[in-house]
Amino acid sequence: MPIARLTDAERGDALDSLPGWSLREDGLAITRELKFADFGEAFGFMTRVAIQADKVDHHPEWFNVYNKVRITLTTHDAEGLSVRDVALANFIDTIA
């Protein structure tokens, strides 16, 4: 079954529940930048996210330099945001 893209109202509700996340300019993804004490802490965080992402078969786009991690979440099959992005963002917020 295909994953449905969130409606504008659902997307707004999701963003309201995800402080720290921003809607990408095109409206098709959410992004967040996190800063950690050092590279080891950033890498440990990324490892935990990677394990969860593999479990749910939904993988982030991300960029890491030293203690900063920039994450973008979108669902390519839905051509935009879906409940899968919101769920992974909630997990990320829980461990960040």
PDB file of N, CA and C in Angstrom:
ATOM      1  N   MET A   1       0.855  -1.185   0.000  1.00  0.00           N
ATOM      2  CA  MET A   1       0.000   0.000   0.000  1.00  0.00           C
ATOM      3  C   MET A   1       0.896   1.242   0.000  1.00  0.00           C
ATOM      4  N   PRO A   2       0.632   2.183  -0.884  1.00  0.00           N
ATOM      5  CA  PRO A   2       1.451   3.391  -0.945  1.00  0.00           C
ATOM      6  C   PRO A   2       1.270   4.271   0.291  1.00  0.00           C
ATOM      7  N   ILE A   3       2.312   4.975   0.617  1.00  0.00           N
ATOM      8  CA  ILE A   3       2.277   5.917   1.739  1.00  0.00           C
ATOM      9  C   ILE A   3       1.692   7.233   1.236  1.00  0.00           C
ATOM     10  N   ALA A   4       0.733   7.777   1.966  1.00  0.00           N
ATOM     11  CA  ALA A   4       0.089   9.026   1.563  1.00  0.00           C
ATOM     12  C   ALA A   4       0.855  10.233   2.090  1.00  0.00           C
ATOM     13  N   ARG A   5       0.933  11.256   1.273  1.00  0.00           N
ATOM     14  CA  ARG A   5       1.523  12.513   1.696  1.00  0.00           C
ATOM     15  C   ARG A   5       0.554  13.209   2.652  1.00  0.00           C
ATOM     16  N   LEU A   6       1.097  13.888   3.661  1.00  0.00           N
ATOM     17  CA  LEU A   6       0.259  14.626   4.608  1.00  0.00           C
ATOM     18  C   LEU A   6      -0.451  15.770   3.899  1.00  0.00           C
ATOM     19  N   THR A   7      -1.675  16.035   4.328  1.00  0.00           N
ATOM     20  CA  THR A   7      -2.395  17.194   3.830  1.00  0.00           C
ATOM     21  C   THR A   7      -1.764  18.441   4.449  1.00  0.00           C
ATOM     22  N   ASP A   8      -2.136  19.613   3.954  1.00  0.00           N
ATOM     23  CA  ASP A   8      -1.608  20.857   4.516  1.00  0.00           C
ATOM     24  C   ASP A   8      -1.948  20.969   6.004  1.00  0.00           C
ATOM     25  N   ALA A   9      -3.168  20.590   6.368  1.00  0.00           N
ATOM     26  CA  ALA A   9      -3.583  20.669   7.779  1.00  0.00           C
ATOM     27  C   ALA A   9      -2.787  19.680   8.628  1.00  0.00           C
ATOM     28  N   GLU A  10      -2.619  18.470   8.143  1.00  0.00           N
ATOM     29  CA  GLU A  10      -1.840  17.461   8.873  1.00  0.00           C
ATOM     30  C   GLU A  10      -0.379  17.901   9.009  1.00  0.00           C
ATOM     31  N   ARG A  11       0.157  18.485   7.955  1.00  0.00           N
ATOM     32  CA  ARG A  11       1.536  18.969   7.985  1.00  0.00           C
ATOM     33  C   ARG A  11       1.683  20.075   9.036  1.00  0.00           C
ATOM     34  N   GLY A  12       0.723  20.992   9.085  1.00  0.00           N
ATOM     35  CA  GLY A  12       0.749  22.062  10.086  1.00  0.00           C
ATOM     36  C   GLY A  12       0.673  21.514  11.497  1.00  0.00           C
ATOM     37  N   ASP A  13      -0.208  20.536  11.723  1.00  0.00           N
ATOM     38  CA  ASP A  13      -0.319  19.909  13.044  1.00  0.00           C
ATOM     39  C   ASP A  13       0.979  19.207  13.426  1.00  0.00           C
ATOM     40  N   ALA A  14       1.586  18.537  12.453  1.00  0.00           N
ATOM     41  CA  ALA A  14       2.841  17.827  12.714  1.00  0.00           C
ATOM     42  C   ALA A  14       3.935  18.807  13.114  1.00  0.00           C
ATOM     43  N   LEU A  15       4.044  19.899  12.394  1.00  0.00           N
ATOM     44  CA  LEU A  15       5.074  20.896  12.721  1.00  0.00           C
ATOM     45  C   LEU A  15       4.836  21.514  14.089  1.00  0.00           C
ATOM     46  N   ASP A  16       3.576  21.721  14.437  1.00  0.00           N
ATOM     47  CA  ASP A  16       3.255  22.260  15.765  1.00  0.00           C
ATOM     48  C   ASP A  16       3.721  21.313  16.870  1.00  0.00           C
ATOM     49  N   SER A  17       3.721  20.013  16.580  1.00  0.00           N
ATOM     50  CA  SER A  17       4.106  19.028  17.590  1.00  0.00           C
ATOM     51  C   SER A  17       5.601  18.708  17.562  1.00  0.00           C
ATOM     52  N   LEU A  18       6.347  19.339  16.648  1.00  0.00           N
ATOM     53  CA  LEU A  18       7.777  19.060  16.499  1.00  0.00           C
ATOM     54  C   LEU A  18       8.608  20.336  16.634  1.00  0.00           C
ATOM     55  N   PRO A  19       8.743  20.849  17.852  1.00  0.00           N
ATOM     56  CA  PRO A  19       9.553  22.057  18.020  1.00  0.00           C
ATOM     57  C   PRO A  19      10.992  21.776  17.589  1.00  0.00           C
ATOM     58  N   GLY A  20      11.587  22.747  16.949  1.00  0.00           N
ATOM     59  CA  GLY A  20      12.957  22.579  16.477  1.00  0.00           C
ATOM     60  C   GLY A  20      13.049  22.130  15.032  1.00  0.00           C
ATOM     61  N   TRP A  21      11.960  21.642  14.483  1.00  0.00           N
ATOM     62  CA  TRP A  21      11.922  21.212  13.087  1.00  0.00           C
ATOM     63  C   TRP A  21      11.343  22.339  12.244  1.00  0.00           C
ATOM     64  N   SER A  22      11.856  22.478  11.023  1.00  0.00           N
ATOM     65  CA  SER A  22      11.388  23.500  10.093  1.00  0.00           C
ATOM     66  C   SER A  22      10.949  22.849   8.795  1.00  0.00           C
ATOM     67  N   LEU A  23       9.998  23.468   8.175  1.00  0.00           N
ATOM     68  CA  LEU A  23       9.549  23.007   6.864  1.00  0.00           C
ATOM     69  C   LEU A  23      10.537  23.513   5.814  1.00  0.00           C
ATOM     70  N   ARG A  24      10.994  22.621   4.971  1.00  0.00           N
ATOM     71  CA  ARG A  24      11.891  23.022   3.895  1.00  0.00           C
ATOM     72  C   ARG A  24      11.141  23.954   2.954  1.00  0.00           C
ATOM     73  N   GLU A  25      11.866  24.818   2.257  1.00  0.00           N
ATOM     74  CA  GLU A  25      11.254  25.846   1.403  1.00  0.00           C
ATOM     75  C   GLU A  25      10.225  25.292   0.437  1.00  0.00           C
ATOM     76  N   ASP A  26      10.461  24.105  -0.106  1.00  0.00           N
ATOM     77  CA  ASP A  26       9.522  23.530  -1.076  1.00  0.00           C
ATOM     78  C   ASP A  26       8.313  22.873  -0.417  1.00  0.00           C
ATOM     79  N   GLY A  27       8.307  22.794   0.919  1.00  0.00           N
ATOM     80  CA  GLY A  27       7.176  22.213   1.649  1.00  0.00           C
ATOM     81  C   GLY A  27       7.116  20.700   1.627  1.00  0.00           C
ATOM     82  N   LEU A  28       8.158  20.046   1.110  1.00  0.00           N
ATOM     83  CA  LEU A  28       8.129  18.594   0.941  1.00  0.00           C
ATOM     84  C   LEU A  28       8.964  17.834   1.960  1.00  0.00           C
ATOM     85  N   ALA A  29       9.604  18.548   2.882  1.00  0.00           N
ATOM     86  CA  ALA A  29      10.473  17.904   3.862  1.00  0.00           C
ATOM     87  C   ALA A  29      10.552  18.762   5.112  1.00  0.00           C
ATOM     88  N   ILE A  30      10.984  18.127   6.206  1.00  0.00           N
ATOM     89  CA  ILE A  30      11.273  18.858   7.428  1.00  0.00           C
ATOM     90  C   ILE A  30      12.764  18.699   7.731  1.00  0.00           C
ATOM     91  N   THR A  31      13.321  19.720   8.374  1.00  0.00           N
ATOM     92  CA  THR A  31      14.752  19.707   8.677  1.00  0.00           C
ATOM     93  C   THR A  31      14.994  20.138  10.118  1.00  0.00           C
ATOM     94  N   ARG A  32      16.121  19.682  10.628  1.00  0.00           N
ATOM     95  CA  ARG A  32      16.539  20.092  11.971  1.00  0.00           C
ATOM     96  C   ARG A  32      18.050  19.988  12.042  1.00  0.00           C
ATOM     97  N   GLU A  33      18.660  20.927  12.727  1.00  0.00           N
ATOM     98  CA  GLU A  33      20.092  20.853  12.979  1.00  0.00           C
ATOM     99  C   GLU A  33      20.311  20.699  14.471  1.00  0.00           C
ATOM    100  N   LEU A  34      21.155  19.746  14.825  1.00  0.00           N
ATOM    101  CA  LEU A  34      21.468  19.469  16.222  1.00  0.00           C
ATOM    102  C   LEU A  34      22.951  19.679  16.452  1.00  0.00           C
ATOM    103  N   LYS A  35      23.288  20.132  17.650  1.00  0.00           N
ATOM    104  CA  LYS A  35      24.687  20.342  18.009  1.00  0.00           C
ATOM    105  C   LYS A  35      24.983  19.529  19.269  1.00  0.00           C
ATOM    106  N   PHE A  36      26.092  18.806  19.232  1.00  0.00           N
ATOM    107  CA  PHE A  36      26.485  17.942  20.332  1.00  0.00           C
ATOM    108  C   PHE A  36      27.807  18.423  20.927  1.00  0.00           C
ATOM    109  N   ALA A  37      28.215  17.815  22.015  1.00  0.00           N
ATOM    110  CA  ALA A  37      29.442  18.227  22.697  1.00  0.00           C
ATOM    111  C   ALA A  37      30.680  17.995  21.837  1.00  0.00           C
ATOM    112  N   ASP A  38      30.663  16.904  21.072  1.00  0.00           N
ATOM    113  CA  ASP A  38      31.831  16.569  20.259  1.00  0.00           C
ATOM    114  C   ASP A  38      31.427  15.576  19.171  1.00  0.00           C
ATOM    115  N   PHE A  39      32.399  15.164  18.382  1.00  0.00           N
ATOM    116  CA  PHE A  39      32.129  14.248  17.275  1.00  0.00           C
ATOM    117  C   PHE A  39      31.613  12.903  17.765  1.00  0.00           C
ATOM    118  N   GLY A  40      32.195  12.381  18.837  1.00  0.00           N
ATOM    119  CA  GLY A  40      31.759  11.083  19.350  1.00  0.00           C
ATOM    120  C   GLY A  40      30.294  11.079  19.746  1.00  0.00           C
ATOM    121  N   GLU A  41      29.855  12.154  20.380  1.00  0.00           N
ATOM    122  CA  GLU A  41      28.445  12.244  20.777  1.00  0.00           C
ATOM    123  C   GLU A  41      27.546  12.358  19.544  1.00  0.00           C
ATOM    124  N   ALA A  42      27.962  13.149  18.561  1.00  0.00           N
ATOM    125  CA  ALA A  42      27.187  13.282  17.326  1.00  0.00           C
ATOM    126  C   ALA A  42      27.098  11.940  16.597  1.00  0.00           C
ATOM    127  N   PHE A  43      28.225  11.243  16.518  1.00  0.00           N
ATOM    128  CA  PHE A  43      28.248   9.964  15.817  1.00  0.00           C
ATOM    129  C   PHE A  43      27.415   8.916  16.552  1.00  0.00           C
ATOM    130  N   GLY A  44      27.473   8.929  17.880  1.00  0.00           N
ATOM    131  CA  GLY A  44      26.641   8.013  18.665  1.00  0.00           C
ATOM    132  C   GLY A  44      25.161   8.257  18.416  1.00  0.00           C
ATOM    133  N   PHE A  45      24.779   9.527  18.371  1.00  0.00           N
ATOM    134  CA  PHE A  45      23.392   9.892  18.055  1.00  0.00           C
ATOM    135  C   PHE A  45      23.011   9.360  16.677  1.00  0.00           C
ATOM    136  N   MET A  46      23.869   9.584  15.704  1.00  0.00           N
ATOM    137  CA  MET A  46      23.581   9.126  14.338  1.00  0.00           C
ATOM    138  C   MET A  46      23.446   7.603  14.285  1.00  0.00           C
ATOM    139  N   THR A  47      24.249   6.914  15.058  1.00  0.00           N
ATOM    140  CA  THR A  47      24.176   5.448  15.094  1.00  0.00           C
ATOM    141  C   THR A  47      22.825   4.993  15.635  1.00  0.00           C
ATOM    142  N   ARG A  48      22.367   5.637  16.698  1.00  0.00           N
ATOM    143  CA  ARG A  48      21.062   5.273  17.273  1.00  0.00           C
ATOM    144  C   ARG A  48      19.930   5.540  16.280  1.00  0.00           C
ATOM    145  N   VAL A  49      20.006   6.671  15.588  1.00  0.00           N
ATOM    146  CA  VAL A  49      18.990   6.975  14.570  1.00  0.00           C
ATOM    147  C   VAL A  49      19.069   5.955  13.438  1.00  0.00           C
ATOM    148  N   ALA A  50      20.272   5.606  13.020  1.00  0.00           N
ATOM    149  CA  ALA A  50      20.441   4.647  11.922  1.00  0.00           C
ATOM    150  C   ALA A  50      19.833   3.289  12.262  1.00  0.00           C
ATOM    151  N   ILE A  51      20.015   2.842  13.491  1.00  0.00           N
ATOM    152  CA  ILE A  51      19.440   1.550  13.903  1.00  0.00           C
ATOM    153  C   ILE A  51      17.924   1.609  13.843  1.00  0.00           C
ATOM    154  N   GLN A  52      17.334   2.681  14.367  1.00  0.00           N
ATOM    155  CA  GLN A  52      15.876   2.828  14.334  1.00  0.00           C
ATOM    156  C   GLN A  52      15.383   2.962  12.892  1.00  0.00           C
ATOM    157  N   ALA A  53      16.077   3.761  12.101  1.00  0.00           N
ATOM    158  CA  ALA A  53      15.668   3.963  10.705  1.00  0.00           C
ATOM    159  C   ALA A  53      15.670   2.642   9.945  1.00  0.00           C
ATOM    160  N   ASP A  54      16.656   1.813  10.207  1.00  0.00           N
ATOM    161  CA  ASP A  54      16.705   0.511   9.554  1.00  0.00           C
ATOM    162  C   ASP A  54      15.525  -0.361   9.979  1.00  0.00           C
ATOM    163  N   LYS A  55      15.186  -0.304  11.271  1.00  0.00           N
ATOM    164  CA  LYS A  55      14.057  -1.093  11.780  1.00  0.00           C
ATOM    165  C   LYS A  55      12.754  -0.717  11.093  1.00  0.00           C
ATOM    166  N   VAL A  56      12.556   0.575  10.845  1.00  0.00           N
ATOM    167  CA  VAL A  56      11.288   1.030  10.267  1.00  0.00           C
ATOM    168  C   VAL A  56      11.393   1.256   8.755  1.00  0.00           C
ATOM    169  N   ASP A  57      12.550   0.942   8.188  1.00  0.00           N
ATOM    170  CA  ASP A  57      12.798   1.070   6.749  1.00  0.00           C
ATOM    171  C   ASP A  57      12.458   2.469   6.234  1.00  0.00           C
ATOM    172  N   HIS A  58      12.957   3.461   6.970  1.00  0.00           N
ATOM    173  CA  HIS A  58      12.746   4.855   6.579  1.00  0.00           C
ATOM    174  C   HIS A  58      13.984   5.639   6.972  1.00  0.00           C
ATOM    175  N   HIS A  59      14.739   6.086   6.001  1.00  0.00           N
ATOM    176  CA  HIS A  59      16.084   6.593   6.262  1.00  0.00           C
ATOM    177  C   HIS A  59      16.194   8.090   6.021  1.00  0.00           C
ATOM    178  N   PRO A  60      16.871   8.781   6.939  1.00  0.00           N
ATOM    179  CA  PRO A  60      17.022  10.233   6.805  1.00  0.00           C
ATOM    180  C   PRO A  60      18.074  10.606   5.779  1.00  0.00           C
ATOM    181  N   GLU A  61      17.958  11.814   5.300  1.00  0.00           N
ATOM    182  CA  GLU A  61      19.058  12.440   4.579  1.00  0.00           C
ATOM    183  C   GLU A  61      19.765  13.259   5.652  1.00  0.00           C
ATOM    184  N   TRP A  62      21.091  13.127   5.748  1.00  0.00           N
ATOM    185  CA  TRP A  62      21.760  13.893   6.780  1.00  0.00           C
ATOM    186  C   TRP A  62      23.161  14.273   6.397  1.00  0.00           C
ATOM    187  N   PHE A  63      23.670  15.238   7.161  1.00  0.00           N
ATOM    188  CA  PHE A  63      24.996  15.785   6.921  1.00  0.00           C
ATOM    189  C   PHE A  63      25.629  16.012   8.286  1.00  0.00           C
ATOM    190  N   ASN A  64      26.863  15.581   8.438  1.00  0.00           N
ATOM    191  CA  ASN A  64      27.554  15.707   9.720  1.00  0.00           C
ATOM    192  C   ASN A  64      28.926  16.336   9.526  1.00  0.00           C
ATOM    193  N   VAL A  65      29.205  17.346  10.333  1.00  0.00           N
ATOM    194  CA  VAL A  65      30.542  17.910  10.455  1.00  0.00           C
ATOM    195  C   VAL A  65      30.818  18.056  11.941  1.00  0.00           C
ATOM    196  N   TYR A  66      31.848  17.371  12.399  1.00  0.00           N
ATOM    197  CA  TYR A  66      32.283  17.359  13.780  1.00  0.00           C
ATOM    198  C   TYR A  66      31.114  17.155  14.751  1.00  0.00           C
ATOM    199  N   ASN A  67      30.633  18.207  15.390  1.00  0.00           N
ATOM    200  CA  ASN A  67      29.599  18.043  16.421  1.00  0.00           C
ATOM    201  C   ASN A  67      28.207  18.461  15.947  1.00  0.00           C
ATOM    202  N   LYS A  68      28.047  18.725  14.663  1.00  0.00           N
ATOM    203  CA  LYS A  68      26.750  19.152  14.129  1.00  0.00           C
ATOM    204  C   LYS A  68      26.188  18.092  13.190  1.00  0.00           C
ATOM    205  N   VAL A  69      24.877  17.877  13.328  1.00  0.00           N
ATOM    206  CA  VAL A  69      24.163  16.943  12.455  1.00  0.00           C
ATOM    207  C   VAL A  69      22.954  17.680  11.908  1.00  0.00           C
ATOM    208  N   ARG A  70      22.848  17.749  10.597  1.00  0.00           N
ATOM    209  CA  ARG A  70      21.683  18.343   9.939  1.00  0.00           C
ATOM    210  C   ARG A  70      20.886  17.201   9.310  1.00  0.00           C
ATOM    211  N   ILE A  71      19.610  17.132   9.659  1.00  0.00           N
ATOM    212  CA  ILE A  71      18.745  16.033   9.226  1.00  0.00           C
ATOM    213  C   ILE A  71      17.612  16.573   8.367  1.00  0.00           C
ATOM    214  N   THR A  72      17.325  15.879   7.289  1.00  0.00           N
ATOM    215  CA  THR A  72      16.166  16.168   6.447  1.00  0.00           C
ATOM    216  C   THR A  72      15.342  14.890   6.344  1.00  0.00           C
ATOM    217  N   LEU A  73      14.041  15.028   6.575  1.00  0.00           N
ATOM    218  CA  LEU A  73      13.130  13.895   6.474  1.00  0.00           C
ATOM    219  C   LEU A  73      12.077  14.179   5.417  1.00  0.00           C
ATOM    220  N   THR A  74      11.914  13.236   4.518  1.00  0.00           N
ATOM    221  CA  THR A  74      10.873  13.282   3.495  1.00  0.00           C
ATOM    222  C   THR A  74      10.589  11.844   3.076  1.00  0.00           C
ATOM    223  N   THR A  75       9.435  11.614   2.498  1.00  0.00           N
ATOM    224  CA  THR A  75       9.087  10.284   2.017  1.00  0.00           C
ATOM    225  C   THR A  75       9.026  10.344   0.502  1.00  0.00           C
ATOM    226  N   HIS A  76      10.029   9.776  -0.132  1.00  0.00           N
ATOM    227  CA  HIS A  76      10.120   9.856  -1.587  1.00  0.00           C
ATOM    228  C   HIS A  76       8.919   9.199  -2.270  1.00  0.00           C
ATOM    229  N   ASP A  77       8.444   8.072  -1.737  1.00  0.00           N
ATOM    230  CA  ASP A  77       7.285   7.389  -2.329  1.00  0.00           C
ATOM    231  C   ASP A  77       6.024   8.242  -2.281  1.00  0.00           C
ATOM    232  N   ALA A  78       5.931   9.124  -1.273  1.00  0.00           N
ATOM    233  CA  ALA A  78       4.764   9.996  -1.130  1.00  0.00           C
ATOM    234  C   ALA A  78       4.995  11.356  -1.783  1.00  0.00           C
ATOM    235  N   GLU A  79       6.200  11.572  -2.272  1.00  0.00           N
ATOM    236  CA  GLU A  79       6.577  12.856  -2.867  1.00  0.00           C
ATOM    237  C   GLU A  79       6.339  14.006  -1.899  1.00  0.00           C
ATOM    238  N   GLY A  80       6.713  13.784  -0.640  1.00  0.00           N
ATOM    239  CA  GLY A  80       6.565  14.812   0.384  1.00  0.00           C
ATOM    240  C   GLY A  80       6.534  14.196   1.765  1.00  0.00           C
ATOM    241  N   LEU A  81       6.011  14.937   2.710  1.00  0.00           N
ATOM    242  CA  LEU A  81       5.954  14.475   4.095  1.00  0.00           C
ATOM    243  C   LEU A  81       4.879  13.432   4.308  1.00  0.00           C
ATOM    244  N   SER A  82       5.195  12.456   5.159  1.00  0.00           N
ATOM    245  CA  SER A  82       4.212  11.433   5.516  1.00  0.00           C
ATOM    246  C   SER A  82       4.302  11.167   7.014  1.00  0.00           C
ATOM    247  N   VAL A  83       3.431  10.297   7.484  1.00  0.00           N
ATOM    248  CA  VAL A  83       3.451   9.920   8.900  1.00  0.00           C
ATOM    249  C   VAL A  83       4.786   9.267   9.267  1.00  0.00           C
ATOM    250  N   ARG A  84       5.457   8.661   8.305  1.00  0.00           N
ATOM    251  CA  ARG A  84       6.761   8.034   8.576  1.00  0.00           C
ATOM    252  C   ARG A  84       7.793   9.087   8.987  1.00  0.00           C
ATOM    253  N   ASP A  85       7.739  10.258   8.363  1.00  0.00           N
ATOM    254  CA  ASP A  85       8.663  11.334   8.714  1.00  0.00           C
ATOM    255  C   ASP A  85       8.380  11.854  10.112  1.00  0.00           C
ATOM    256  N   VAL A  86       7.119  12.011  10.434  1.00  0.00           N
ATOM    257  CA  VAL A  86       6.725  12.503  11.758  1.00  0.00           C
ATOM    258  C   VAL A  86       7.162  11.510  12.830  1.00  0.00           C
ATOM    259  N   ALA A  87       6.964  10.230  12.584  1.00  0.00           N
ATOM    260  CA  ALA A  87       7.354   9.208  13.554  1.00  0.00           C
ATOM    261  C   ALA A  87       8.867   9.209  13.775  1.00  0.00           C
ATOM    262  N   LEU A  88       9.638   9.294  12.700  1.00  0.00           N
ATOM    263  CA  LEU A  88      11.092   9.300  12.855  1.00  0.00           C
ATOM    264  C   LEU A  88      11.562  10.587  13.532  1.00  0.00           C
ATOM    265  N   ALA A  89      10.931  11.711  13.213  1.00  0.00           N
ATOM    266  CA  ALA A  89      11.273  12.975  13.879  1.00  0.00           C
ATOM    267  C   ALA A  89      10.992  12.883  15.379  1.00  0.00           C
ATOM    268  N   ASN A  90       9.887  12.268  15.757  1.00  0.00           N
ATOM    269  CA  ASN A  90       9.574  12.090  17.183  1.00  0.00           C
ATOM    270  C   ASN A  90      10.633  11.231  17.863  1.00  0.00           C
ATOM    271  N   PHE A  91      11.063  10.152  17.200  1.00  0.00           N
ATOM    272  CA  PHE A  91      12.120   9.315  17.760  1.00  0.00           C
ATOM    273  C   PHE A  91      13.407  10.133  17.936  1.00  0.00           C
ATOM    274  N   ILE A  92      13.761  10.896  16.920  1.00  0.00           N
ATOM    275  CA  ILE A  92      14.969  11.729  16.972  1.00  0.00           C
ATOM    276  C   ILE A  92      14.883  12.709  18.140  1.00  0.00           C
ATOM    277  N   ASP A  93      13.729  13.333  18.310  1.00  0.00           N
ATOM    278  CA  ASP A  93      13.559  14.281  19.410  1.00  0.00           C
ATOM    279  C   ASP A  93      13.699  13.581  20.770  1.00  0.00           C
ATOM    280  N   THR A  94      13.253  12.357  20.853  1.00  0.00           N
ATOM    281  CA  THR A  94      13.312  11.612  22.113  1.00  0.00           C
ATOM    282  C   THR A  94      14.758  11.333  22.519  1.00  0.00           C
ATOM    283  N   ILE A  95      15.623  11.053  21.552  1.00  0.00           N
ATOM    284  CA  ILE A  95      16.999  10.689  21.906  1.00  0.00           C
ATOM    285  C   ILE A  95      17.988  11.848  21.813  1.00  0.00           C
ATOM    286  N   ALA A  96      17.563  12.976  21.245  1.00  0.00           N
ATOM    287  CA  ALA A  96      18.496  14.095  21.031  1.00  0.00           C
ATOM    288  C   ALA A  96      18.908  14.769  22.330  1.00  0.00           C
TER     289      ALA A  96
END
